[in-house]
Amino acid sequence: MNVKGVCGFLALSTLGVGVLAGIPSVVNAADPDDVAAASRGFYEALTTLDDGSAMAEIWAQTPYVTFIGPRSKAPIVGWDAQATYWMNANKMFSKRDVTLSDQHLHVDGNLAWEVGTETADVELTDGSIRTTSNLVTNVYEKLGGHWLMVSHHAQPTPK
């Protein structure tokens, strides 16, 4: 192959890789709505002060799920650790209402994430009432045709 042929081949190869790199992942048109429904499911589960069963419905029960709550001192990794966390954490509250605002959601293939602001109105079992605001990132994975939470990170909004 002569120099012109090699240069032409390299140019076309480079162009082909560039075009392929720019192709977005295939996203089903219903996926953003389904992820938004999974998000609503998480915030509904937060209001359920049970033994953790409500959270078991919306979380992927895998060893790689992660949770960092606004009071966390370390990440909670894996579903087994989370199941224990939810069972114990729910005992602290007599009421917990959490809403998400300023939601920004993105879907890419089998992963989706959202960021926003959580506002929590809670009543602790000692009768004290608190309202808090947290910045949040939630990550979802499509497993078995269902969008399930795989990561939650909430931190107090700076004052």
C-alpha atoms as a PDB file:
ATOM      1  CA  MET A   1       0.000   0.000   0.000  1.00  0.00           C
ATOM      2  CA  ASN A   2       1.406   3.427  -0.887  1.00  0.00           C
ATOM      3  CA  VAL A   3       1.601   6.434   1.443  1.00  0.00           C
ATOM      4  CA  LYS A   4      -1.657   7.906   0.086  1.00  0.00           C
ATOM      5  CA  GLY A   5      -3.443   4.617   0.717  1.00  0.00           C
ATOM      6  CA  VAL A   6      -2.105   4.334   4.287  1.00  0.00           C
ATOM      7  CA  CYS A   7      -3.068   7.951   5.077  1.00  0.00           C
ATOM      8  CA  GLY A   8      -6.539   7.426   3.627  1.00  0.00           C
ATOM      9  CA  PHE A   9      -7.020   4.224   5.606  1.00  0.00           C
ATOM     10  CA  LEU A  10      -5.894   5.905   8.839  1.00  0.00           C
ATOM     11  CA  ALA A  11      -8.168   8.893   8.227  1.00  0.00           C
ATOM     12  CA  LEU A  12     -11.206   6.687   7.600  1.00  0.00           C
ATOM     13  CA  SER A  13     -10.381   4.500  10.608  1.00  0.00           C
ATOM     14  CA  THR A  14     -10.071   7.540  12.855  1.00  0.00           C
ATOM     15  CA  LEU A  15     -13.327   8.979  11.512  1.00  0.00           C
ATOM     16  CA  GLY A  16     -15.088   5.646  12.058  1.00  0.00           C
ATOM     17  CA  VAL A  17     -13.933   5.416  15.683  1.00  0.00           C
ATOM     18  CA  GLY A  18     -14.992   9.024  16.265  1.00  0.00           C
ATOM     19  CA  VAL A  19     -18.432   8.393  14.817  1.00  0.00           C
ATOM     20  CA  LEU A  20     -18.892   5.215  16.871  1.00  0.00           C
ATOM     21  CA  ALA A  21     -17.777   6.972  20.045  1.00  0.00           C
ATOM     22  CA  GLY A  22     -20.472   9.580  19.492  1.00  0.00           C
ATOM     23  CA  ILE A  23     -23.313   7.069  19.224  1.00  0.00           C
ATOM     24  CA  PRO A  24     -25.456   7.303  22.363  1.00  0.00           C
ATOM     25  CA  SER A  25     -26.453   4.194  24.299  1.00  0.00           C
ATOM     26  CA  VAL A  26     -29.804   2.750  23.372  1.00  0.00           C
ATOM     27  CA  VAL A  27     -32.450   4.041  25.771  1.00  0.00           C
ATOM     28  CA  ASN A  28     -36.016   2.815  25.710  1.00  0.00           C
ATOM     29  CA  ALA A  29     -38.411   5.767  25.488  1.00  0.00           C
ATOM     30  CA  ALA A  30     -40.194   4.538  28.639  1.00  0.00           C
ATOM     31  CA  ASP A  31     -36.995   4.301  30.711  1.00  0.00           C
ATOM     32  CA  PRO A  32     -36.927   7.908  32.034  1.00  0.00           C
ATOM     33  CA  ASP A  33     -40.530   7.517  33.218  1.00  0.00           C
ATOM     34  CA  ASP A  34     -39.729   4.135  34.752  1.00  0.00           C
ATOM     35  CA  VAL A  35     -36.683   5.567  36.565  1.00  0.00           C
ATOM     36  CA  ALA A  36     -38.798   8.477  37.845  1.00  0.00           C
ATOM     37  CA  ALA A  37     -41.275   5.873  39.152  1.00  0.00           C
ATOM     38  CA  ALA A  38     -38.407   4.022  40.887  1.00  0.00           C
ATOM     39  CA  SER A  39     -37.361   7.326  42.469  1.00  0.00           C
ATOM     40  CA  ARG A  40     -40.894   7.939  43.738  1.00  0.00           C
ATOM     41  CA  GLY A  41     -40.856   4.383  45.089  1.00  0.00           C
ATOM     42  CA  PHE A  42     -37.727   5.133  47.123  1.00  0.00           C
ATOM     43  CA  TYR A  43     -39.208   8.254  48.683  1.00  0.00           C
ATOM     44  CA  GLU A  44     -42.460   6.407  49.415  1.00  0.00           C
ATOM     45  CA  ALA A  45     -40.445   3.607  51.058  1.00  0.00           C
ATOM     46  CA  LEU A  46     -38.738   6.208  53.263  1.00  0.00           C
ATOM     47  CA  THR A  47     -42.120   7.039  54.802  1.00  0.00           C
ATOM     48  CA  THR A  48     -42.692   3.374  55.678  1.00  0.00           C
ATOM     49  CA  LEU A  49     -41.258   2.745  59.132  1.00  0.00           C
ATOM     50  CA  ASP A  50     -41.199  -1.045  58.998  1.00  0.00           C
ATOM     51  CA  ASP A  51     -38.545  -3.741  59.399  1.00  0.00           C
ATOM     52  CA  GLY A  52     -36.924  -2.697  56.107  1.00  0.00           C
ATOM     53  CA  SER A  53     -39.298  -4.657  53.862  1.00  0.00           C
ATOM     54  CA  ALA A  54     -40.336  -1.539  51.915  1.00  0.00           C
ATOM     55  CA  MET A  55     -36.700  -0.797  51.084  1.00  0.00           C
ATOM     56  CA  ALA A  56     -36.147  -4.412  50.024  1.00  0.00           C
ATOM     57  CA  GLU A  57     -38.701  -3.833  47.264  1.00  0.00           C
ATOM     58  CA  ILE A  58     -36.874  -0.904  45.655  1.00  0.00           C
ATOM     59  CA  TRP A  59     -33.170  -1.696  46.256  1.00  0.00           C
ATOM     60  CA  ALA A  60     -31.095  -4.151  44.230  1.00  0.00           C
ATOM     61  CA  GLN A  61     -30.163  -6.873  46.676  1.00  0.00           C
ATOM     62  CA  THR A  62     -26.554  -7.146  45.556  1.00  0.00           C
ATOM     63  CA  PRO A  63     -23.188  -6.966  47.325  1.00  0.00           C
ATOM     64  CA  TYR A  64     -22.288  -3.725  45.504  1.00  0.00           C
ATOM     65  CA  VAL A  65     -25.152  -1.433  46.561  1.00  0.00           C
ATOM     66  CA  THR A  66     -24.029   1.578  48.593  1.00  0.00           C
ATOM     67  CA  PHE A  67     -25.718   3.950  51.018  1.00  0.00           C
ATOM     68  CA  ILE A  68     -24.426   7.151  52.593  1.00  0.00           C
ATOM     69  CA  GLY A  69     -27.122   8.956  54.545  1.00  0.00           C
ATOM     70  CA  PRO A  70     -26.970  12.452  56.005  1.00  0.00           C
ATOM     71  CA  ARG A  71     -25.939  11.031  59.406  1.00  0.00           C
ATOM     72  CA  SER A  72     -23.569   8.362  58.041  1.00  0.00           C
ATOM     73  CA  LYS A  73     -20.036   8.191  59.339  1.00  0.00           C
ATOM     74  CA  ALA A  74     -19.047   5.569  56.743  1.00  0.00           C
ATOM     75  CA  PRO A  75     -20.540   4.038  53.604  1.00  0.00           C
ATOM     76  CA  ILE A  76     -22.836   1.051  54.023  1.00  0.00           C
ATOM     77  CA  VAL A  77     -21.925  -1.472  51.330  1.00  0.00           C
ATOM     78  CA  GLY A  78     -23.935  -4.517  50.285  1.00  0.00           C
ATOM     79  CA  TRP A  79     -27.583  -5.406  50.660  1.00  0.00           C
ATOM     80  CA  ASP A  80     -27.111  -7.474  53.845  1.00  0.00           C
ATOM     81  CA  ALA A  81     -25.604  -4.474  55.653  1.00  0.00           C
ATOM     82  CA  GLN A  82     -28.352  -2.229  54.312  1.00  0.00           C
ATOM     83  CA  ALA A  83     -31.142  -4.555  55.399  1.00  0.00           C
ATOM     84  CA  THR A  84     -29.796  -4.347  58.952  1.00  0.00           C
ATOM     85  CA  TYR A  85     -29.395  -0.572  58.650  1.00  0.00           C
ATOM     86  CA  TRP A  86     -33.020   0.011  57.572  1.00  0.00           C
ATOM     87  CA  MET A  87     -34.399  -2.258  60.275  1.00  0.00           C
ATOM     88  CA  ASN A  88     -32.518  -0.297  62.959  1.00  0.00           C
ATOM     89  CA  ALA A  89     -32.767   3.214  61.459  1.00  0.00           C
ATOM     90  CA  ASN A  90     -36.541   3.007  61.111  1.00  0.00           C
ATOM     91  CA  LYS A  91     -36.844   2.479  64.878  1.00  0.00           C
ATOM     92  CA  MET A  92     -35.582   6.053  65.466  1.00  0.00           C
ATOM     93  CA  PHE A  93     -38.638   7.671  63.886  1.00  0.00           C
ATOM     94  CA  SER A  94     -42.323   7.897  64.628  1.00  0.00           C
ATOM     95  CA  LYS A  95     -42.789   9.799  61.341  1.00  0.00           C
ATOM     96  CA  ARG A  96     -40.563  10.457  58.320  1.00  0.00           C
ATOM     97  CA  ASP A  97     -41.676  12.337  55.206  1.00  0.00           C
ATOM     98  CA  VAL A  98     -39.027  13.041  52.576  1.00  0.00           C
ATOM     99  CA  THR A  99     -39.567  14.755  49.234  1.00  0.00           C
ATOM    100  CA  LEU A 100     -37.235  15.324  46.297  1.00  0.00           C
ATOM    101  CA  SER A 101     -37.114  18.661  44.482  1.00  0.00           C
ATOM    102  CA  ASP A 102     -34.888  20.135  41.769  1.00  0.00           C
ATOM    103  CA  GLN A 103     -34.656  16.621  40.288  1.00  0.00           C
ATOM    104  CA  HIS A 104     -32.264  16.159  37.366  1.00  0.00           C
ATOM    105  CA  LEU A 105     -32.462  12.637  35.943  1.00  0.00           C
ATOM    106  CA  HIS A 106     -30.369  10.976  33.235  1.00  0.00           C
ATOM    107  CA  VAL A 107     -30.623   7.478  31.739  1.00  0.00           C
ATOM    108  CA  ASP A 108     -27.767   5.780  29.867  1.00  0.00           C
ATOM    109  CA  GLY A 109     -28.375   2.164  28.951  1.00  0.00           C
ATOM    110  CA  ASN A 110     -29.002   0.093  32.082  1.00  0.00           C
ATOM    111  CA  LEU A 111     -27.840   2.838  34.460  1.00  0.00           C
ATOM    112  CA  ALA A 112     -29.583   6.013  35.531  1.00  0.00           C
ATOM    113  CA  TRP A 113     -28.823   8.708  38.053  1.00  0.00           C
ATOM    114  CA  GLU A 114     -30.536  11.681  39.545  1.00  0.00           C
ATOM    115  CA  VAL A 115     -29.458  14.583  41.685  1.00  0.00           C
ATOM    116  CA  GLY A 116     -31.627  16.967  43.615  1.00  0.00           C
ATOM    117  CA  THR A 117     -32.544  18.305  47.021  1.00  0.00           C
ATOM    118  CA  GLU A 118     -34.285  16.237  49.673  1.00  0.00           C
ATOM    119  CA  THR A 119     -36.433  17.912  52.290  1.00  0.00           C
ATOM    120  CA  ALA A 120     -37.199  15.756  55.303  1.00  0.00           C
ATOM    121  CA  ASP A 121     -39.833  16.397  57.953  1.00  0.00           C
ATOM    122  CA  VAL A 122     -39.302  13.893  60.736  1.00  0.00           C
ATOM    123  CA  GLU A 123     -40.530  13.168  64.211  1.00  0.00           C
ATOM    124  CA  LEU A 124     -38.186  11.132  66.360  1.00  0.00           C
ATOM    125  CA  THR A 125     -39.453   8.605  68.880  1.00  0.00           C
ATOM    126  CA  ASP A 126     -38.537  11.045  71.681  1.00  0.00           C
ATOM    127  CA  GLY A 127     -41.132  13.470  70.246  1.00  0.00           C
ATOM    128  CA  SER A 128     -38.677  15.983  68.774  1.00  0.00           C
ATOM    129  CA  ILE A 129     -39.530  17.340  65.338  1.00  0.00           C
ATOM    130  CA  ARG A 130     -36.945  18.296  62.718  1.00  0.00           C
ATOM    131  CA  THR A 131     -36.856  19.582  59.164  1.00  0.00           C
ATOM    132  CA  THR A 132     -33.663  19.009  57.207  1.00  0.00           C
ATOM    133  CA  SER A 133     -32.419  19.621  53.689  1.00  0.00           C
ATOM    134  CA  ASN A 134     -29.931  17.365  51.899  1.00  0.00           C
ATOM    135  CA  LEU A 135     -28.198  17.352  48.547  1.00  0.00           C
ATOM    136  CA  VAL A 136     -28.678  13.908  47.060  1.00  0.00           C
ATOM    137  CA  THR A 137     -27.410  11.610  44.333  1.00  0.00           C
ATOM    138  CA  ASN A 138     -29.311   8.405  43.560  1.00  0.00           C
ATOM    139  CA  VAL A 139     -28.145   5.731  41.114  1.00  0.00           C
ATOM    140  CA  TYR A 140     -30.422   3.093  39.583  1.00  0.00           C
ATOM    141  CA  GLU A 141     -29.672  -0.044  37.590  1.00  0.00           C
ATOM    142  CA  LYS A 142     -32.057  -1.922  35.322  1.00  0.00           C
ATOM    143  CA  LEU A 143     -31.987  -5.518  36.552  1.00  0.00           C
ATOM    144  CA  GLY A 144     -34.407  -8.167  35.357  1.00  0.00           C
ATOM    145  CA  GLY A 145     -36.414  -5.510  33.534  1.00  0.00           C
ATOM    146  CA  HIS A 146     -36.887  -3.379  36.678  1.00  0.00           C
ATOM    147  CA  TRP A 147     -35.152  -0.166  37.735  1.00  0.00           C
ATOM    148  CA  LEU A 148     -33.700  -0.670  41.230  1.00  0.00           C
ATOM    149  CA  MET A 149     -31.654   1.643  43.418  1.00  0.00           C
ATOM    150  CA  VAL A 150     -27.974   0.733  43.704  1.00  0.00           C
ATOM    151  CA  SER A 151     -26.600   3.845  45.410  1.00  0.00           C
ATOM    152  CA  HIS A 152     -27.882   6.701  47.552  1.00  0.00           C
ATOM    153  CA  HIS A 153     -25.747   9.545  48.869  1.00  0.00           C
ATOM    154  CA  ALA A 154     -27.342  12.358  50.859  1.00  0.00           C
ATOM    155  CA  GLN A 155     -25.442  15.091  52.634  1.00  0.00           C
ATOM    156  CA  PRO A 156     -26.718  18.092  54.566  1.00  0.00           C
ATOM    157  CA  THR A 157     -27.171  21.198  52.434  1.00  0.00           C
ATOM    158  CA  PRO A 158     -24.582  23.787  53.548  1.00  0.00           C
ATOM    159  CA  LYS A 159     -26.069  26.712  55.448  1.00  0.00           C
END
